[in-house]
Amino acid sequence: MKLPRREFLHLAWGTSALPILSRISMADTCPSRPVRLIVGFPSGYATDIVARLAAQSLSERLEQQVFVENHPEAATNIAVGEVVNTAPDGYTLLAMTVTNAVNATLYKHLHFDIVHDIAPIAATS
């Protein structure tokens, strides 16, 4: 296949401009603001302790502050509702337990669907 001279020059110019354009279009460093980790239990419970240890580790890895917020009302449903109603930008995390799965079967009129509205990103054991 023969490539006409004009097309060859266009391709050569495009490949030479690619490194310059990639530097211009670099994305922001992520995360660019603090991350919230919401726990549906009071301070001092096992889930809170694990969440605080995870937040400390995440803060060191991400080089950004990770805040732990406790919302122990309504058997963790308030905490889940708050996470579901925030913008899905990755800056709000939820510490989940078996309680969240049980609540989905016990309460018929929840304002969220735990299976469809929450996406798991990590598991702790």
PDB file of N, CA and C in Angstrom:
ATOM      1  N   MET A   1       0.852  -1.170   0.000  1.00  0.00           N
ATOM      2  CA  MET A   1       0.000   0.000   0.000  1.00  0.00           C
ATOM      3  C   MET A   1       0.892   1.225   0.000  1.00  0.00           C
ATOM      4  N   LYS A   2       0.664   2.092  -0.978  1.00  0.00           N
ATOM      5  CA  LYS A   2       1.430   3.332  -1.071  1.00  0.00           C
ATOM      6  C   LYS A   2       0.687   4.433  -0.350  1.00  0.00           C
ATOM      7  N   LEU A   3       1.420   5.208   0.410  1.00  0.00           N
ATOM      8  CA  LEU A   3       0.841   6.311   1.155  1.00  0.00           C
ATOM      9  C   LEU A   3       1.230   7.613   0.450  1.00  0.00           C
ATOM     10  N   PRO A   4       0.236   8.409   0.016  1.00  0.00           N
ATOM     11  CA  PRO A   4       0.568   9.680  -0.617  1.00  0.00           C
ATOM     12  C   PRO A   4       1.356  10.579   0.343  1.00  0.00           C
ATOM     13  N   ARG A   5       2.134  11.451  -0.232  1.00  0.00           N
ATOM     14  CA  ARG A   5       3.024  12.302   0.562  1.00  0.00           C
ATOM     15  C   ARG A   5       2.257  13.160   1.567  1.00  0.00           C
ATOM     16  N   ARG A   6       1.150  13.727   1.158  1.00  0.00           N
ATOM     17  CA  ARG A   6       0.379  14.592   2.045  1.00  0.00           C
ATOM     18  C   ARG A   6      -0.145  13.822   3.259  1.00  0.00           C
ATOM     19  N   GLU A   7      -0.659  12.611   3.061  1.00  0.00           N
ATOM     20  CA  GLU A   7      -1.136  11.805   4.174  1.00  0.00           C
ATOM     21  C   GLU A   7       0.015  11.408   5.100  1.00  0.00           C
ATOM     22  N   PHE A   8       1.163  11.098   4.503  1.00  0.00           N
ATOM     23  CA  PHE A   8       2.329  10.761   5.312  1.00  0.00           C
ATOM     24  C   PHE A   8       2.734  11.936   6.199  1.00  0.00           C
ATOM     25  N   LEU A   9       2.719  13.144   5.641  1.00  0.00           N
ATOM     26  CA  LEU A   9       3.083  14.320   6.434  1.00  0.00           C
ATOM     27  C   LEU A   9       2.069  14.579   7.546  1.00  0.00           C
ATOM     28  N   HIS A  10       0.791  14.371   7.276  1.00  0.00           N
ATOM     29  CA  HIS A  10      -0.224  14.525   8.319  1.00  0.00           C
ATOM     30  C   HIS A  10       0.006  13.533   9.456  1.00  0.00           C
ATOM     31  N   LEU A  11       0.291  12.290   9.101  1.00  0.00           N
ATOM     32  CA  LEU A  11       0.555  11.276  10.125  1.00  0.00           C
ATOM     33  C   LEU A  11       1.818  11.603  10.916  1.00  0.00           C
ATOM     34  N   ALA A  12       2.848  12.049  10.228  1.00  0.00           N
ATOM     35  CA  ALA A  12       4.096  12.392  10.911  1.00  0.00           C
ATOM     36  C   ALA A  12       3.888  13.563  11.860  1.00  0.00           C
ATOM     37  N   TRP A  13       3.142  14.571  11.425  1.00  0.00           N
ATOM     38  CA  TRP A  13       2.869  15.712  12.298  1.00  0.00           C
ATOM     39  C   TRP A  13       2.041  15.290  13.509  1.00  0.00           C
ATOM     40  N   GLY A  14       1.038  14.432  13.287  1.00  0.00           N
ATOM     41  CA  GLY A  14       0.189  13.967  14.383  1.00  0.00           C
ATOM     42  C   GLY A  14       0.959  13.178  15.424  1.00  0.00           C
ATOM     43  N   THR A  15       1.858  12.306  14.965  1.00  0.00           N
ATOM     44  CA  THR A  15       2.631  11.523  15.932  1.00  0.00           C
ATOM     45  C   THR A  15       3.661  12.369  16.658  1.00  0.00           C
ATOM     46  N   SER A  16       4.160  13.409  16.023  1.00  0.00           N
ATOM     47  CA  SER A  16       5.117  14.266  16.719  1.00  0.00           C
ATOM     48  C   SER A  16       4.421  15.176  17.726  1.00  0.00           C
ATOM     49  N   ALA A  17       3.148  15.499  17.479  1.00  0.00           N
ATOM     50  CA  ALA A  17       2.409  16.369  18.401  1.00  0.00           C
ATOM     51  C   ALA A  17       1.805  15.584  19.563  1.00  0.00           C
ATOM     52  N   LEU A  18       1.756  14.270  19.475  1.00  0.00           N
ATOM     53  CA  LEU A  18       1.126  13.462  20.511  1.00  0.00           C
ATOM     54  C   LEU A  18       1.758  13.628  21.889  1.00  0.00           C
ATOM     55  N   PRO A  19       3.084  13.614  22.047  1.00  0.00           N
ATOM     56  CA  PRO A  19       3.644  13.812  23.394  1.00  0.00           C
ATOM     57  C   PRO A  19       3.322  15.190  23.980  1.00  0.00           C
ATOM     58  N   ILE A  20       3.248  16.190  23.152  1.00  0.00           N
ATOM     59  CA  ILE A  20       2.934  17.531  23.631  1.00  0.00           C
ATOM     60  C   ILE A  20       1.483  17.598  24.096  1.00  0.00           C
ATOM     61  N   LEU A  21       0.568  17.023  23.327  1.00  0.00           N
ATOM     62  CA  LEU A  21      -0.839  17.044  23.687  1.00  0.00           C
ATOM     63  C   LEU A  21      -1.111  16.227  24.941  1.00  0.00           C
ATOM     64  N   SER A  22      -0.386  15.128  25.140  1.00  0.00           N
ATOM     65  CA  SER A  22      -0.630  14.318  26.322  1.00  0.00           C
ATOM     66  C   SER A  22      -0.218  15.057  27.597  1.00  0.00           C
ATOM     67  N   ARG A  23       0.793  15.901  27.522  1.00  0.00           N
ATOM     68  CA  ARG A  23       1.171  16.691  28.692  1.00  0.00           C
ATOM     69  C   ARG A  23       0.142  17.775  28.987  1.00  0.00           C
ATOM     70  N   ILE A  24      -0.442  18.334  27.949  1.00  0.00           N
ATOM     71  CA  ILE A  24      -1.439  19.381  28.132  1.00  0.00           C
ATOM     72  C   ILE A  24      -2.714  18.808  28.731  1.00  0.00           C
ATOM     73  N   SER A  25      -3.102  17.620  28.313  1.00  0.00           N
ATOM     74  CA  SER A  25      -4.375  17.063  28.740  1.00  0.00           C
ATOM     75  C   SER A  25      -4.251  16.117  29.931  1.00  0.00           C
ATOM     76  N   MET A  26      -3.250  16.287  30.762  1.00  0.00           N
ATOM     77  CA  MET A  26      -3.101  15.439  31.937  1.00  0.00           C
ATOM     78  C   MET A  26      -4.246  15.701  32.915  1.00  0.00           C
ATOM     79  N   ALA A  27      -4.715  14.650  33.528  1.00  0.00           N
ATOM     80  CA  ALA A  27      -5.827  14.762  34.481  1.00  0.00           C
ATOM     81  C   ALA A  27      -5.322  15.288  35.812  1.00  0.00           C
ATOM     82  N   ASP A  28      -6.267  15.800  36.608  1.00  0.00           N
ATOM     83  CA  ASP A  28      -5.935  16.221  37.963  1.00  0.00           C
ATOM     84  C   ASP A  28      -5.510  15.017  38.778  1.00  0.00           C
ATOM     85  N   THR A  29      -4.706  15.275  39.795  1.00  0.00           N
ATOM     86  CA  THR A  29      -4.334  14.185  40.677  1.00  0.00           C
ATOM     87  C   THR A  29      -5.554  13.796  41.501  1.00  0.00           C
ATOM     88  N   CYS A  30      -5.728  12.537  41.659  1.00  0.00           N
ATOM     89  CA  CYS A  30      -6.893  12.054  42.385  1.00  0.00           C
ATOM     90  C   CYS A  30      -6.429  11.412  43.672  1.00  0.00           C
ATOM     91  N   PRO A  31      -6.954  11.674  44.778  1.00  0.00           N
ATOM     92  CA  PRO A  31      -8.023  12.619  45.048  1.00  0.00           C
ATOM     93  C   PRO A  31      -7.488  14.035  45.232  1.00  0.00           C
ATOM     94  N   SER A  32      -8.272  14.987  44.855  1.00  0.00           N
ATOM     95  CA  SER A  32      -7.864  16.388  44.965  1.00  0.00           C
ATOM     96  C   SER A  32      -8.489  17.070  46.179  1.00  0.00           C
ATOM     97  N   ARG A  33      -9.303  16.357  46.921  1.00  0.00           N
ATOM     98  CA  ARG A  33      -9.914  16.894  48.141  1.00  0.00           C
ATOM     99  C   ARG A  33     -10.093  15.753  49.138  1.00  0.00           C
ATOM    100  N   PRO A  34     -10.408  16.065  50.388  1.00  0.00           N
ATOM    101  CA  PRO A  34     -10.543  15.019  51.402  1.00  0.00           C
ATOM    102  C   PRO A  34     -11.645  14.009  51.067  1.00  0.00           C
ATOM    103  N   VAL A  35     -11.450  12.787  51.554  1.00  0.00           N
ATOM    104  CA  VAL A  35     -12.389  11.694  51.338  1.00  0.00           C
ATOM    105  C   VAL A  35     -13.144  11.441  52.644  1.00  0.00           C
ATOM    106  N   ARG A  36     -14.454  11.189  52.538  1.00  0.00           N
ATOM    107  CA  ARG A  36     -15.277  10.886  53.708  1.00  0.00           C
ATOM    108  C   ARG A  36     -15.536   9.394  53.762  1.00  0.00           C
ATOM    109  N   LEU A  37     -15.337   8.805  54.933  1.00  0.00           N
ATOM    110  CA  LEU A  37     -15.662   7.402  55.172  1.00  0.00           C
ATOM    111  C   LEU A  37     -16.758   7.381  56.228  1.00  0.00           C
ATOM    112  N   ILE A  38     -17.968   7.013  55.828  1.00  0.00           N
ATOM    113  CA  ILE A  38     -19.122   7.073  56.716  1.00  0.00           C
ATOM    114  C   ILE A  38     -19.353   5.694  57.329  1.00  0.00           C
ATOM    115  N   VAL A  39     -19.505   5.691  58.649  1.00  0.00           N
ATOM    116  CA  VAL A  39     -19.728   4.462  59.415  1.00  0.00           C
ATOM    117  C   VAL A  39     -21.094   4.566  60.083  1.00  0.00           C
ATOM    118  N   GLY A  40     -21.885   3.523  59.993  1.00  0.00           N
ATOM    119  CA  GLY A  40     -23.222   3.530  60.574  1.00  0.00           C
ATOM    120  C   GLY A  40     -23.284   3.056  62.013  1.00  0.00           C
ATOM    121  N   PHE A  41     -22.176   3.080  62.720  1.00  0.00           N
ATOM    122  CA  PHE A  41     -22.114   2.622  64.108  1.00  0.00           C
ATOM    123  C   PHE A  41     -21.451   3.686  64.966  1.00  0.00           C
ATOM    124  N   PRO A  42     -21.695   3.650  66.288  1.00  0.00           N
ATOM    125  CA  PRO A  42     -21.057   4.630  67.176  1.00  0.00           C
ATOM    126  C   PRO A  42     -19.543   4.412  67.280  1.00  0.00           C
ATOM    127  N   SER A  43     -18.875   5.412  67.791  1.00  0.00           N
ATOM    128  CA  SER A  43     -17.428   5.321  68.000  1.00  0.00           C
ATOM    129  C   SER A  43     -17.107   4.204  68.983  1.00  0.00           C
ATOM    130  N   GLY A  44     -16.048   3.476  68.705  1.00  0.00           N
ATOM    131  CA  GLY A  44     -15.606   2.413  69.593  1.00  0.00           C
ATOM    132  C   GLY A  44     -16.100   1.036  69.215  1.00  0.00           C
ATOM    133  N   TYR A  45     -17.100   0.931  68.348  1.00  0.00           N
ATOM    134  CA  TYR A  45     -17.555  -0.382  67.905  1.00  0.00           C
ATOM    135  C   TYR A  45     -16.526  -0.966  66.939  1.00  0.00           C
ATOM    136  N   ALA A  46     -16.601  -2.261  66.711  1.00  0.00           N
ATOM    137  CA  ALA A  46     -15.616  -2.934  65.865  1.00  0.00           C
ATOM    138  C   ALA A  46     -15.561  -2.339  64.456  1.00  0.00           C
ATOM    139  N   THR A  47     -16.720  -2.045  63.889  1.00  0.00           N
ATOM    140  CA  THR A  47     -16.749  -1.466  62.541  1.00  0.00           C
ATOM    141  C   THR A  47     -16.067  -0.110  62.511  1.00  0.00           C
ATOM    142  N   ASP A  48     -16.250   0.683  63.548  1.00  0.00           N
ATOM    143  CA  ASP A  48     -15.603   1.993  63.637  1.00  0.00           C
ATOM    144  C   ASP A  48     -14.087   1.846  63.744  1.00  0.00           C
ATOM    145  N   ILE A  49     -13.624   0.905  64.533  1.00  0.00           N
ATOM    146  CA  ILE A  49     -12.182   0.706  64.700  1.00  0.00           C
ATOM    147  C   ILE A  49     -11.549   0.268  63.382  1.00  0.00           C
ATOM    148  N   VAL A  50     -12.185  -0.678  62.687  1.00  0.00           N
ATOM    149  CA  VAL A  50     -11.662  -1.135  61.397  1.00  0.00           C
ATOM    150  C   VAL A  50     -11.680   0.007  60.386  1.00  0.00           C
ATOM    151  N   ALA A  51     -12.735   0.816  60.397  1.00  0.00           N
ATOM    152  CA  ALA A  51     -12.837   1.945  59.473  1.00  0.00           C
ATOM    153  C   ALA A  51     -11.732   2.978  59.737  1.00  0.00           C
ATOM    154  N   ARG A  52     -11.434   3.232  60.994  1.00  0.00           N
ATOM    155  CA  ARG A  52     -10.375   4.194  61.317  1.00  0.00           C
ATOM    156  C   ARG A  52      -9.001   3.682  60.910  1.00  0.00           C
ATOM    157  N   LEU A  53      -8.763   2.387  61.067  1.00  0.00           N
ATOM    158  CA  LEU A  53      -7.496   1.810  60.607  1.00  0.00           C
ATOM    159  C   LEU A  53      -7.398   1.882  59.078  1.00  0.00           C
ATOM    160  N   ALA A  54      -8.496   1.588  58.401  1.00  0.00           N
ATOM    161  CA  ALA A  54      -8.517   1.681  56.942  1.00  0.00           C
ATOM    162  C   ALA A  54      -8.333   3.123  56.484  1.00  0.00           C
ATOM    163  N   ALA A  55      -8.948   4.071  57.193  1.00  0.00           N
ATOM    164  CA  ALA A  55      -8.814   5.491  56.835  1.00  0.00           C
ATOM    165  C   ALA A  55      -7.372   5.957  56.991  1.00  0.00           C
ATOM    166  N   GLN A  56      -6.701   5.504  58.038  1.00  0.00           N
ATOM    167  CA  GLN A  56      -5.302   5.887  58.236  1.00  0.00           C
ATOM    168  C   GLN A  56      -4.434   5.341  57.101  1.00  0.00           C
ATOM    169  N   SER A  57      -4.664   4.096  56.732  1.00  0.00           N
ATOM    170  CA  SER A  57      -3.905   3.492  55.638  1.00  0.00           C
ATOM    171  C   SER A  57      -4.200   4.183  54.308  1.00  0.00           C
ATOM    172  N   LEU A  58      -5.468   4.482  54.057  1.00  0.00           N
ATOM    173  CA  LEU A  58      -5.833   5.199  52.824  1.00  0.00           C
ATOM    174  C   LEU A  58      -5.224   6.592  52.779  1.00  0.00           C
ATOM    175  N   SER A  59      -5.202   7.282  53.913  1.00  0.00           N
ATOM    176  CA  SER A  59      -4.619   8.623  53.959  1.00  0.00           C
ATOM    177  C   SER A  59      -3.148   8.586  53.571  1.00  0.00           C
ATOM    178  N   GLU A  60      -2.447   7.586  54.041  1.00  0.00           N
ATOM    179  CA  GLU A  60      -1.025   7.471  53.707  1.00  0.00           C
ATOM    180  C   GLU A  60      -0.826   7.132  52.242  1.00  0.00           C
ATOM    181  N   ARG A  61      -1.653   6.246  51.702  1.00  0.00           N
ATOM    182  CA  ARG A  61      -1.500   5.845  50.299  1.00  0.00           C
ATOM    183  C   ARG A  61      -1.933   6.929  49.322  1.00  0.00           C
ATOM    184  N   LEU A  62      -3.047   7.590  49.625  1.00  0.00           N
ATOM    185  CA  LEU A  62      -3.585   8.598  48.713  1.00  0.00           C
ATOM    186  C   LEU A  62      -2.948   9.965  48.896  1.00  0.00           C
ATOM    187  N   GLU A  63      -2.230  10.135  50.007  1.00  0.00           N
ATOM    188  CA  GLU A  63      -1.648  11.430  50.361  1.00  0.00           C
ATOM    189  C   GLU A  63      -2.725  12.511  50.431  1.00  0.00           C
ATOM    190  N   GLN A  64      -3.855  12.121  50.973  1.00  0.00           N
ATOM    191  CA  GLN A  64      -4.993  13.019  51.153  1.00  0.00           C
ATOM    192  C   GLN A  64      -5.722  12.570  52.413  1.00  0.00           C
ATOM    193  N   GLN A  65      -6.296  13.509  53.144  1.00  0.00           N
ATOM    194  CA  GLN A  65      -6.964  13.192  54.393  1.00  0.00           C
ATOM    195  C   GLN A  65      -8.229  12.381  54.152  1.00  0.00           C
ATOM    196  N   VAL A  66      -8.442  11.331  54.948  1.00  0.00           N
ATOM    197  CA  VAL A  66      -9.662  10.538  54.928  1.00  0.00           C
ATOM    198  C   VAL A  66     -10.324  10.709  56.291  1.00  0.00           C
ATOM    199  N   PHE A  67     -11.521  11.284  56.301  1.00  0.00           N
ATOM    200  CA  PHE A  67     -12.256  11.548  57.530  1.00  0.00           C
ATOM    201  C   PHE A  67     -13.245  10.423  57.796  1.00  0.00           C
ATOM    202  N   VAL A  68     -13.332  10.002  59.042  1.00  0.00           N
ATOM    203  CA  VAL A  68     -14.329   9.014  59.448  1.00  0.00           C
ATOM    204  C   VAL A  68     -15.473   9.755  60.120  1.00  0.00           C
ATOM    205  N   GLU A  69     -16.678   9.558  59.621  1.00  0.00           N
ATOM    206  CA  GLU A  69     -17.876  10.162  60.194  1.00  0.00           C
ATOM    207  C   GLU A  69     -18.792   9.054  60.686  1.00  0.00           C
ATOM    208  N   ASN A  70     -19.237   9.160  61.928  1.00  0.00           N
ATOM    209  CA  ASN A  70     -20.142   8.172  62.504  1.00  0.00           C
ATOM    210  C   ASN A  70     -21.574   8.688  62.447  1.00  0.00           C
ATOM    211  N   HIS A  71     -22.472   7.870  61.884  1.00  0.00           N
ATOM    212  CA  HIS A  71     -23.901   8.160  61.829  1.00  0.00           C
ATOM    213  C   HIS A  71     -24.635   6.923  62.327  1.00  0.00           C
ATOM    214  N   PRO A  72     -24.737   6.746  63.653  1.00  0.00           N
ATOM    215  CA  PRO A  72     -25.255   5.493  64.199  1.00  0.00           C
ATOM    216  C   PRO A  72     -26.777   5.408  64.337  1.00  0.00           C
ATOM    217  N   GLU A  73     -27.510   6.144  63.565  1.00  0.00           N
ATOM    218  CA  GLU A  73     -28.969   6.152  63.712  1.00  0.00           C
ATOM    219  C   GLU A  73     -29.626   5.124  62.800  1.00  0.00           C
ATOM    220  N   ALA A  74     -30.787   4.631  63.217  1.00  0.00           N
ATOM    221  CA  ALA A  74     -31.687   3.806  62.401  1.00  0.00           C
ATOM    222  C   ALA A  74     -31.015   2.565  61.827  1.00  0.00           C
ATOM    223  N   ALA A  75     -30.263   1.883  62.641  1.00  0.00           N
ATOM    224  CA  ALA A  75     -29.649   0.607  62.245  1.00  0.00           C
ATOM    225  C   ALA A  75     -28.848   0.732  60.956  1.00  0.00           C
ATOM    226  N   THR A  76     -28.044   1.752  60.842  1.00  0.00           N
ATOM    227  CA  THR A  76     -27.154   2.081  59.710  1.00  0.00           C
ATOM    228  C   THR A  76     -27.882   2.584  58.478  1.00  0.00           C
ATOM    229  N   ASN A  77     -29.205   2.681  58.484  1.00  0.00           N
ATOM    230  CA  ASN A  77     -29.934   3.139  57.304  1.00  0.00           C
ATOM    231  C   ASN A  77     -29.702   4.612  57.011  1.00  0.00           C
ATOM    232  N   ILE A  78     -29.490   5.440  58.031  1.00  0.00           N
ATOM    233  CA  ILE A  78     -29.206   6.860  57.821  1.00  0.00           C
ATOM    234  C   ILE A  78     -27.863   7.023  57.113  1.00  0.00           C
ATOM    235  N   ALA A  79     -26.868   6.261  57.538  1.00  0.00           N
ATOM    236  CA  ALA A  79     -25.546   6.339  56.918  1.00  0.00           C
ATOM    237  C   ALA A  79     -25.599   5.915  55.453  1.00  0.00           C
ATOM    238  N   VAL A  80     -26.297   4.823  55.173  1.00  0.00           N
ATOM    239  CA  VAL A  80     -26.417   4.358  53.788  1.00  0.00           C
ATOM    240  C   VAL A  80     -27.170   5.381  52.955  1.00  0.00           C
ATOM    241  N   GLY A  81     -28.237   5.936  53.487  1.00  0.00           N
ATOM    242  CA  GLY A  81     -28.999   6.953  52.761  1.00  0.00           C
ATOM    243  C   GLY A  81     -28.170   8.179  52.443  1.00  0.00           C
ATOM    244  N   GLU A  82     -27.311   8.571  53.370  1.00  0.00           N
ATOM    245  CA  GLU A  82     -26.447   9.724  53.108  1.00  0.00           C
ATOM    246  C   GLU A  82     -25.450   9.441  51.993  1.00  0.00           C
ATOM    247  N   VAL A  83     -24.892   8.253  51.986  1.00  0.00           N
ATOM    248  CA  VAL A  83     -23.942   7.894  50.922  1.00  0.00           C
ATOM    249  C   VAL A  83     -24.651   7.811  49.581  1.00  0.00           C
ATOM    250  N   VAL A  84     -25.837   7.228  49.554  1.00  0.00           N
ATOM    251  CA  VAL A  84     -26.586   7.100  48.301  1.00  0.00           C
ATOM    252  C   VAL A  84     -26.954   8.466  47.740  1.00  0.00           C
ATOM    253  N   ASN A  85     -27.241   9.438  48.598  1.00  0.00           N
ATOM    254  CA  ASN A  85     -27.686  10.756  48.142  1.00  0.00           C
ATOM    255  C   ASN A  85     -26.547  11.714  47.809  1.00  0.00           C
ATOM    256  N   THR A  86     -25.300  11.330  48.018  1.00  0.00           N
ATOM    257  CA  THR A  86     -24.193  12.197  47.644  1.00  0.00           C
ATOM    258  C   THR A  86     -23.837  11.979  46.177  1.00  0.00           C
ATOM    259  N   ALA A  87     -23.073  12.893  45.641  1.00  0.00           N
ATOM    260  CA  ALA A  87     -22.643  12.776  44.244  1.00  0.00           C
ATOM    261  C   ALA A  87     -21.739  11.554  44.083  1.00  0.00           C
ATOM    262  N   PRO A  88     -21.914  10.771  43.028  1.00  0.00           N
ATOM    263  CA  PRO A  88     -21.090   9.577  42.827  1.00  0.00           C
ATOM    264  C   PRO A  88     -19.713   9.918  42.258  1.00  0.00           C
ATOM    265  N   ASP A  89     -18.931  10.659  43.030  1.00  0.00           N
ATOM    266  CA  ASP A  89     -17.625  11.102  42.553  1.00  0.00           C
ATOM    267  C   ASP A  89     -16.458  10.356  43.183  1.00  0.00           C
ATOM    268  N   GLY A  90     -16.736   9.394  44.060  1.00  0.00           N
ATOM    269  CA  GLY A  90     -15.682   8.606  44.672  1.00  0.00           C
ATOM    270  C   GLY A  90     -15.074   9.215  45.917  1.00  0.00           C
ATOM    271  N   TYR A  91     -15.607  10.321  46.393  1.00  0.00           N
ATOM    272  CA  TYR A  91     -15.075  10.975  47.581  1.00  0.00           C
ATOM    273  C   TYR A  91     -15.867  10.638  48.845  1.00  0.00           C
ATOM    274  N   THR A  92     -16.887   9.810  48.739  1.00  0.00           N
ATOM    275  CA  THR A  92     -17.661   9.375  49.891  1.00  0.00           C
ATOM    276  C   THR A  92     -17.708   7.855  49.886  1.00  0.00           C
ATOM    277  N   LEU A  93     -17.209   7.251  50.961  1.00  0.00           N
ATOM    278  CA  LEU A  93     -17.173   5.806  51.090  1.00  0.00           C
ATOM    279  C   LEU A  93     -18.064   5.385  52.247  1.00  0.00           C
ATOM    280  N   LEU A  94     -18.489   4.139  52.242  1.00  0.00           N
ATOM    281  CA  LEU A  94     -19.347   3.598  53.286  1.00  0.00           C
ATOM    282  C   LEU A  94     -18.718   2.336  53.847  1.00  0.00           C
ATOM    283  N   ALA A  95     -18.637   2.249  55.165  1.00  0.00           N
ATOM    284  CA  ALA A  95     -18.192   1.020  55.827  1.00  0.00           C
ATOM    285  C   ALA A  95     -19.427   0.161  56.045  1.00  0.00           C
ATOM    286  N   MET A  96     -19.541  -0.932  55.302  1.00  0.00           N
ATOM    287  CA  MET A  96     -20.723  -1.786  55.363  1.00  0.00           C
ATOM    288  C   MET A  96     -20.448  -3.029  56.193  1.00  0.00           C
ATOM    289  N   THR A  97     -21.523  -3.581  56.742  1.00  0.00           N
ATOM    290  CA  THR A  97     -21.459  -4.842  57.474  1.00  0.00           C
ATOM    291  C   THR A  97     -22.654  -5.702  57.077  1.00  0.00           C
ATOM    292  N   VAL A  98     -22.793  -6.824  57.737  1.00  0.00           N
ATOM    293  CA  VAL A  98     -23.935  -7.703  57.499  1.00  0.00           C
ATOM    294  C   VAL A  98     -25.239  -6.990  57.842  1.00  0.00           C
ATOM    295  N   THR A  99     -25.182  -6.044  58.743  1.00  0.00           N
ATOM    296  CA  THR A  99     -26.376  -5.291  59.142  1.00  0.00           C
ATOM    297  C   THR A  99     -27.060  -4.658  57.939  1.00  0.00           C
ATOM    298  N   ASN A 100     -26.282  -4.171  56.986  1.00  0.00           N
ATOM    299  CA  ASN A 100     -26.872  -3.539  55.811  1.00  0.00           C
ATOM    300  C   ASN A 100     -27.650  -4.546  54.972  1.00  0.00           C
ATOM    301  N   ALA A 101     -27.159  -5.758  54.850  1.00  0.00           N
ATOM    302  CA  ALA A 101     -27.877  -6.792  54.098  1.00  0.00           C
ATOM    303  C   ALA A 101     -29.153  -7.217  54.835  1.00  0.00           C
ATOM    304  N   VAL A 102     -29.076  -7.314  56.147  1.00  0.00           N
ATOM    305  CA  VAL A 102     -30.246  -7.685  56.936  1.00  0.00           C
ATOM    306  C   VAL A 102     -31.310  -6.592  56.857  1.00  0.00           C
ATOM    307  N   ASN A 103     -30.896  -5.341  56.917  1.00  0.00           N
ATOM    308  CA  ASN A 103     -31.844  -4.229  56.833  1.00  0.00           C
ATOM    309  C   ASN A 103     -32.624  -4.244  55.523  1.00  0.00           C
ATOM    310  N   ALA A 104     -31.983  -4.675  54.448  1.00  0.00           N
ATOM    311  CA  ALA A 104     -32.663  -4.727  53.155  1.00  0.00           C
ATOM    312  C   ALA A 104     -33.821  -5.721  53.181  1.00  0.00           C
ATOM    313  N   THR A 105     -33.729  -6.740  54.035  1.00  0.00           N
ATOM    314  CA  THR A 105     -34.822  -7.707  54.124  1.00  0.00           C
ATOM    315  C   THR A 105     -35.854  -7.324  55.180  1.00  0.00           C
ATOM    316  N   LEU A 106     -35.440  -6.579  56.201  1.00  0.00           N
ATOM    317  CA  LEU A 106     -36.351  -6.221  57.286  1.00  0.00           C
ATOM    318  C   LEU A 106     -37.230  -5.022  56.967  1.00  0.00           C
ATOM    319  N   TYR A 107     -36.659  -4.004  56.343  1.00  0.00           N
ATOM    320  CA  TYR A 107     -37.383  -2.761  56.084  1.00  0.00           C
ATOM    321  C   TYR A 107     -37.885  -2.756  54.643  1.00  0.00           C
ATOM    322  N   LYS A 108     -39.196  -2.577  54.480  1.00  0.00           N
ATOM    323  CA  LYS A 108     -39.781  -2.639  53.139  1.00  0.00           C
ATOM    324  C   LYS A 108     -39.763  -1.303  52.411  1.00  0.00           C
ATOM    325  N   HIS A 109     -39.709  -0.195  53.139  1.00  0.00           N
ATOM    326  CA  HIS A 109     -39.837   1.112  52.514  1.00  0.00           C
ATOM    327  C   HIS A 109     -38.555   1.930  52.660  1.00  0.00           C
ATOM    328  N   LEU A 110     -37.436   1.356  52.298  1.00  0.00           N
ATOM    329  CA  LEU A 110     -36.173   2.102  52.312  1.00  0.00           C
ATOM    330  C   LEU A 110     -36.114   3.006  51.078  1.00  0.00           C
ATOM    331  N   HIS A 111     -35.420   4.113  51.198  1.00  0.00           N
ATOM    332  CA  HIS A 111     -35.306   5.059  50.086  1.00  0.00           C
ATOM    333  C   HIS A 111     -34.125   4.733  49.188  1.00  0.00           C
ATOM    334  N   PHE A 112     -33.598   3.545  49.305  1.00  0.00           N
ATOM    335  CA  PHE A 112     -32.468   3.116  48.488  1.00  0.00           C
ATOM    336  C   PHE A 112     -32.538   1.609  48.306  1.00  0.00           C
ATOM    337  N   ASP A 113     -31.844   1.121  47.308  1.00  0.00           N
ATOM    338  CA  ASP A 113     -31.703  -0.313  47.069  1.00  0.00           C
ATOM    339  C   ASP A 113     -30.220  -0.630  47.242  1.00  0.00           C
ATOM    340  N   ILE A 114     -29.894  -1.349  48.286  1.00  0.00           N
ATOM    341  CA  ILE A 114     -28.490  -1.571  48.635  1.00  0.00           C
ATOM    342  C   ILE A 114     -27.730  -2.289  47.514  1.00  0.00           C
ATOM    343  N   VAL A 115     -28.405  -3.115  46.746  1.00  0.00           N
ATOM    344  CA  VAL A 115     -27.741  -3.861  45.680  1.00  0.00           C
ATOM    345  C   VAL A 115     -27.435  -2.960  44.482  1.00  0.00           C
ATOM    346  N   HIS A 116     -28.358  -2.071  44.133  1.00  0.00           N
ATOM    347  CA  HIS A 116     -28.191  -1.259  42.927  1.00  0.00           C
ATOM    348  C   HIS A 116     -27.566   0.113  43.187  1.00  0.00           C
ATOM    349  N   ASP A 117     -27.706   0.647  44.379  1.00  0.00           N
ATOM    350  CA  ASP A 117     -27.236   2.005  44.651  1.00  0.00           C
ATOM    351  C   ASP A 117     -25.823   2.074  45.227  1.00  0.00           C
ATOM    352  N   ILE A 118     -25.310   0.972  45.738  1.00  0.00           N
ATOM    353  CA  ILE A 118     -23.977   0.948  46.342  1.00  0.00           C
ATOM    354  C   ILE A 118     -23.092  -0.011  45.550  1.00  0.00           C
ATOM    355  N   ALA A 119     -21.886   0.428  45.229  1.00  0.00           N
ATOM    356  CA  ALA A 119     -20.928  -0.415  44.525  1.00  0.00           C
ATOM    357  C   ALA A 119     -19.770  -0.761  45.465  1.00  0.00           C
ATOM    358  N   PRO A 120     -19.546  -2.051  45.727  1.00  0.00           N
ATOM    359  CA  PRO A 120     -18.440  -2.419  46.610  1.00  0.00           C
ATOM    360  C   PRO A 120     -17.094  -2.180  45.943  1.00  0.00           C
ATOM    361  N   ILE A 121     -16.118  -1.692  46.734  1.00  0.00           N
ATOM    362  CA  ILE A 121     -14.785  -1.454  46.180  1.00  0.00           C
ATOM    363  C   ILE A 121     -13.702  -2.241  46.896  1.00  0.00           C
ATOM    364  N   ALA A 122     -13.974  -2.673  48.132  1.00  0.00           N
ATOM    365  CA  ALA A 122     -12.968  -3.439  48.877  1.00  0.00           C
ATOM    366  C   ALA A 122     -13.663  -4.255  49.956  1.00  0.00           C
ATOM    367  N   ALA A 123     -13.001  -5.328  50.346  1.00  0.00           N
ATOM    368  CA  ALA A 123     -13.518  -6.169  51.420  1.00  0.00           C
ATOM    369  C   ALA A 123     -12.478  -6.262  52.513  1.00  0.00           C
ATOM    370  N   THR A 124     -12.924  -6.249  53.750  1.00  0.00           N
ATOM    371  CA  THR A 124     -12.030  -6.435  54.881  1.00  0.00           C
ATOM    372  C   THR A 124     -12.402  -7.733  55.568  1.00  0.00           C
ATOM    373  N   SER A 125     -11.440  -8.336  56.187  1.00  0.00           N
ATOM    374  CA  SER A 125     -11.744  -9.587  56.897  1.00  0.00           C
ATOM    375  C   SER A 125     -11.114  -9.599  58.253  1.00  0.00           C
TER     376      SER A 125
END
